[in-house]
Amino acid sequence: MAYQVFQPAQIVALFEGSPSGLKEVLDSILDSSKNSVPQMRVYYEAQDFDSLRHKAHYLKSTFNYVVPDEFVILLKKIHTDAENKTNLDKLERDLHQVETDTATLISEIESFIKQKAL
């Protein structure tokens, strides 16, 4: 990973003056992260590429305001590869990167919430 996973500037700007709104959105992102990424692994192992594609699309939309472009591009790649059933030999590596980056994202968001006392 050559980038900072959690990039709060855009989401903080959107909720300026509404710490409770920011906390609610960050909690939602945490819930999605903790539930959806493990589901992606299950779908991959079951070779359920349609469900994997849907979950990658969902996470791409969920993470869009808090992660760098590289992370969104990786989710788009998983979405496209699962949809077209191409580059399946690289899907395991890409999924592992999403799992790793998401674990970092969760940790960084939880630290941010504590630091800002949200």
Protein backbone atom coordinates (compact mmCIF):
# COMPACT_ATOMS: atom_id res chain seq x y z
CA MET A 1 0.00 0.00 0.00
CA ALA A 2 1.59 3.25 -1.13
CA TYR A 3 -1.16 5.57 0.05
CA GLN A 4 -2.93 6.65 3.22
CA VAL A 5 -6.14 4.62 3.31
CA PHE A 6 -8.41 6.91 5.33
CA GLN A 7 -8.63 10.38 3.86
CA PRO A 8 -11.11 12.31 6.00
CA ALA A 9 -10.87 15.80 4.45
CA GLN A 10 -13.73 15.42 1.96
CA ILE A 11 -16.18 13.74 4.35
CA VAL A 12 -15.34 16.20 7.15
CA ALA A 13 -15.99 19.12 4.78
CA LEU A 14 -19.35 17.64 3.81
CA PHE A 15 -20.42 17.45 7.45
CA GLU A 16 -18.84 20.67 8.70
CA GLY A 17 -20.86 21.88 11.66
CA SER A 18 -22.58 18.52 12.11
CA PRO A 19 -20.39 16.21 14.18
CA SER A 20 -23.34 13.88 14.82
CA GLY A 21 -23.92 13.55 11.06
CA LEU A 22 -20.23 12.83 10.51
CA LYS A 23 -20.25 10.20 13.27
CA GLU A 24 -23.34 8.55 11.78
CA VAL A 25 -21.75 8.30 8.34
CA LEU A 26 -18.44 7.03 9.71
CA ASP A 27 -20.29 4.40 11.78
CA SER A 28 -22.13 3.31 8.64
CA ILE A 29 -18.84 3.01 6.75
CA LEU A 30 -17.39 0.96 9.63
CA ASP A 31 -20.40 -1.37 9.60
CA SER A 32 -20.16 -1.79 5.84
CA SER A 33 -16.44 -2.46 6.05
CA LYS A 34 -16.73 -5.04 8.78
CA ASN A 35 -19.57 -6.91 7.07
CA SER A 36 -19.10 -6.52 3.34
CA VAL A 37 -15.42 -7.29 2.89
CA PRO A 38 -15.65 -10.72 4.58
CA GLN A 39 -18.70 -11.41 2.38
CA MET A 40 -16.56 -10.66 -0.68
CA ARG A 41 -14.15 -13.40 0.40
CA VAL A 42 -17.04 -15.88 0.79
CA TYR A 43 -18.36 -14.99 -2.67
CA TYR A 44 -14.90 -15.34 -4.20
CA GLU A 45 -14.32 -18.76 -2.63
CA ALA A 46 -17.76 -19.92 -3.80
CA GLN A 47 -16.99 -18.51 -7.26
CA ASP A 48 -20.18 -16.45 -6.98
CA PHE A 49 -18.85 -13.70 -9.21
CA ASP A 50 -22.18 -11.95 -9.61
CA SER A 51 -22.49 -11.41 -5.84
CA LEU A 52 -18.82 -10.43 -5.66
CA ARG A 53 -19.42 -7.85 -8.39
CA HIS A 54 -22.41 -6.40 -6.53
CA LYS A 55 -20.48 -6.19 -3.26
CA ALA A 56 -17.50 -4.49 -4.93
CA HIS A 57 -19.86 -1.94 -6.49
CA TYR A 58 -21.53 -1.32 -3.12
CA LEU A 59 -18.20 -0.78 -1.36
CA LYS A 60 -16.95 1.48 -4.13
CA SER A 61 -19.95 3.72 -3.53
CA THR A 62 -19.64 3.48 0.26
CA PHE A 63 -15.91 4.23 0.40
CA ASN A 64 -15.85 6.88 -2.31
CA TYR A 65 -15.61 9.88 0.05
CA VAL A 66 -13.06 8.47 2.49
CA VAL A 67 -10.45 6.52 0.50
CA PRO A 68 -7.95 7.51 -2.18
CA ASP A 69 -8.62 7.00 -5.87
CA GLU A 70 -6.30 3.97 -5.94
CA PHE A 71 -8.59 2.09 -3.56
CA VAL A 72 -11.71 2.99 -5.57
CA ILE A 73 -9.94 1.92 -8.78
CA LEU A 74 -9.09 -1.44 -7.19
CA LEU A 75 -12.75 -1.98 -6.26
CA LYS A 76 -13.77 -1.03 -9.83
CA LYS A 77 -11.26 -3.57 -11.15
CA ILE A 78 -12.70 -6.32 -8.95
CA HIS A 79 -16.19 -5.32 -10.09
CA THR A 80 -15.22 -5.47 -13.77
CA ASP A 81 -13.20 -8.67 -13.48
CA ALA A 82 -16.00 -10.42 -11.59
CA GLU A 83 -18.59 -9.18 -14.09
CA ASN A 84 -16.57 -10.31 -17.12
CA LYS A 85 -15.01 -13.32 -15.39
CA THR A 86 -11.61 -12.13 -16.56
CA ASN A 87 -8.27 -11.86 -14.77
CA LEU A 88 -9.54 -14.40 -12.25
CA ASP A 89 -5.94 -15.35 -11.49
CA LYS A 90 -5.40 -11.80 -10.19
CA LEU A 91 -8.69 -11.56 -8.31
CA GLU A 92 -7.29 -13.30 -5.22
CA ARG A 93 -4.43 -10.79 -5.01
CA ASP A 94 -6.78 -7.83 -5.52
CA LEU A 95 -9.22 -9.12 -2.93
CA HIS A 96 -6.38 -9.61 -0.45
CA GLN A 97 -5.34 -5.97 -1.03
CA VAL A 98 -8.91 -4.82 -0.35
CA GLU A 99 -8.97 -6.88 2.86
CA THR A 100 -5.65 -5.41 3.98
CA ASP A 101 -6.60 -1.83 3.10
CA THR A 102 -10.01 -2.21 4.71
CA ALA A 103 -8.47 -3.43 7.97
CA THR A 104 -6.31 -0.29 7.92
CA LEU A 105 -9.34 1.85 7.04
CA ILE A 106 -11.30 0.47 10.01
CA SER A 107 -8.42 1.14 12.39
CA GLU A 108 -7.88 4.66 11.05
CA ILE A 109 -11.58 5.57 11.21
CA GLU A 110 -11.88 4.23 14.77
CA SER A 111 -8.82 6.28 15.78
CA PHE A 112 -10.23 9.37 14.05
CA ILE A 113 -13.54 9.01 15.91
CA LYS A 114 -11.72 8.72 19.25
CA GLN A 115 -9.34 11.58 18.46
CA LYS A 116 -12.19 13.91 17.46
CA ALA A 117 -14.38 12.64 20.34
CA LEU A 118 -17.30 12.00 17.99
